[in-house]
Structures are given as structure tokens and as C-alpha cells.
Amino acid sequence: MASAQQKRQQRSQLRDQGFKFLEVCLPSQTVERIDRLKTALGAESRNEVLLHLIHGTLDDARLPADSAKMELGMQ
């Protein structure tokens, strides 16, 4: 029970910081690719990998080294 309460508290804190939660259903192969990127990038979570991918796609300011790593990992 403690972990469920911690998760609720963490989500509440993130909401207070302006984050919104989005749930998506992805094919298992896509999740496996995200997991490989997570390992390659030394990311702490799938969320971190997805944020990097989204920011790299939507933001104008992309770091070439990061985008190259991402593109190689997603191929």
C-alpha cells in the first residue's frame, strides 16, 4: 500500500508542477525499442526516453548528438 500512496503523491506533485498525464497503448515491439533506447541513453525511465523523443521532434533547439543517438536507436 505504501508504494501506491507514494505513486499518488508523486503524481500529485507533478500535476502541481504543471504536468499532465497521458496514457497510450503501444505495440509491444515499440515498447521494446523504447526499452533499448532507455538502456542506450542511460535513462531512468521510459517516460524520460519519450520526453527526449518528443522534445527532439517538437522543439526547434535540438542537440545534434542527442538526435543522432535517438535516430540510430529507433531504426
Protein backbone atom coordinates (compact mmCIF):
# COMPACT_ATOMS: atom_id res chain seq x y z
CA MET A 1 0.00 0.00 0.00
CA ALA A 2 2.83 2.39 0.72
CA SER A 3 4.04 2.29 -2.87
CA ALA A 4 0.57 3.08 -4.23
CA GLN A 5 0.33 6.05 -1.89
CA GLN A 6 3.82 7.21 -2.92
CA LYS A 7 2.80 6.98 -6.58
CA ARG A 8 -0.34 9.06 -5.93
CA GLN A 9 1.73 11.63 -4.06
CA GLN A 10 4.32 11.80 -6.85
CA ARG A 11 1.60 12.24 -9.48
CA SER A 12 0.01 14.98 -7.39
CA GLN A 13 3.32 16.81 -7.10
CA LEU A 14 3.87 16.55 -10.86
CA ARG A 15 0.38 17.94 -11.52
CA ASP A 16 1.18 20.83 -9.18
CA GLN A 17 4.27 21.50 -11.31
CA GLY A 18 2.15 21.77 -14.46
CA PHE A 19 2.47 18.22 -15.81
CA LYS A 20 -0.45 16.30 -17.29
CA PHE A 21 -0.64 12.56 -17.62
CA LEU A 22 -1.20 10.82 -20.93
CA GLU A 23 -1.81 7.11 -21.28
CA VAL A 24 -1.05 5.44 -24.61
CA CYS A 25 -1.28 1.90 -25.87
CA LEU A 26 1.72 0.90 -27.95
CA PRO A 27 2.63 -2.28 -29.79
CA SER A 28 4.98 -4.46 -27.76
CA GLN A 29 7.71 -4.04 -30.41
CA THR A 30 7.60 -0.27 -29.92
CA VAL A 31 7.90 -0.65 -26.15
CA GLU A 32 10.89 -2.96 -26.68
CA ARG A 33 12.53 -0.30 -28.86
CA ILE A 34 11.89 2.32 -26.18
CA ASP A 35 13.46 -0.01 -23.61
CA ARG A 36 16.55 -0.42 -25.82
CA LEU A 37 16.83 3.36 -26.12
CA LYS A 38 16.43 3.65 -22.36
CA THR A 39 19.43 1.38 -21.87
CA ALA A 40 21.49 3.04 -24.62
CA LEU A 41 20.85 6.53 -23.25
CA GLY A 42 21.20 5.56 -19.60
CA ALA A 43 17.71 6.93 -19.00
CA GLU A 44 15.95 6.26 -15.71
CA SER A 45 12.53 5.60 -17.19
CA ARG A 46 10.53 5.12 -20.37
CA ASN A 47 8.98 8.49 -19.61
CA GLU A 48 12.41 10.11 -19.88
CA VAL A 49 13.02 8.47 -23.27
CA LEU A 50 9.63 9.58 -24.56
CA LEU A 51 10.22 13.14 -23.36
CA HIS A 52 13.55 13.22 -25.21
CA LEU A 53 11.91 11.91 -28.38
CA ILE A 54 9.02 14.35 -28.19
CA HIS A 55 11.22 17.34 -27.41
CA GLY A 56 13.59 16.33 -30.21
CA THR A 57 10.68 16.21 -32.62
CA LEU A 58 8.68 19.23 -31.49
CA ASP A 59 11.40 21.63 -30.32
CA ASP A 60 13.45 23.75 -32.70
CA ALA A 61 16.52 23.55 -30.47
CA ARG A 62 17.85 20.02 -30.86
CA LEU A 63 21.23 18.83 -29.76
CA PRO A 64 22.83 17.03 -32.72
CA ALA A 65 24.48 14.37 -30.55
CA ASP A 66 21.19 13.55 -28.81
CA SER A 67 19.16 13.45 -32.00
CA ALA A 68 21.73 11.20 -33.69
CA LYS A 69 21.60 8.76 -30.79
CA MET A 70 17.83 8.75 -30.88
CA GLU A 71 17.65 8.22 -34.64
CA LEU A 72 20.10 5.33 -34.50
CA GLY A 73 18.22 3.73 -31.65
CA MET A 74 14.83 3.97 -33.32
CA GLN A 75 15.94 2.38 -36.62
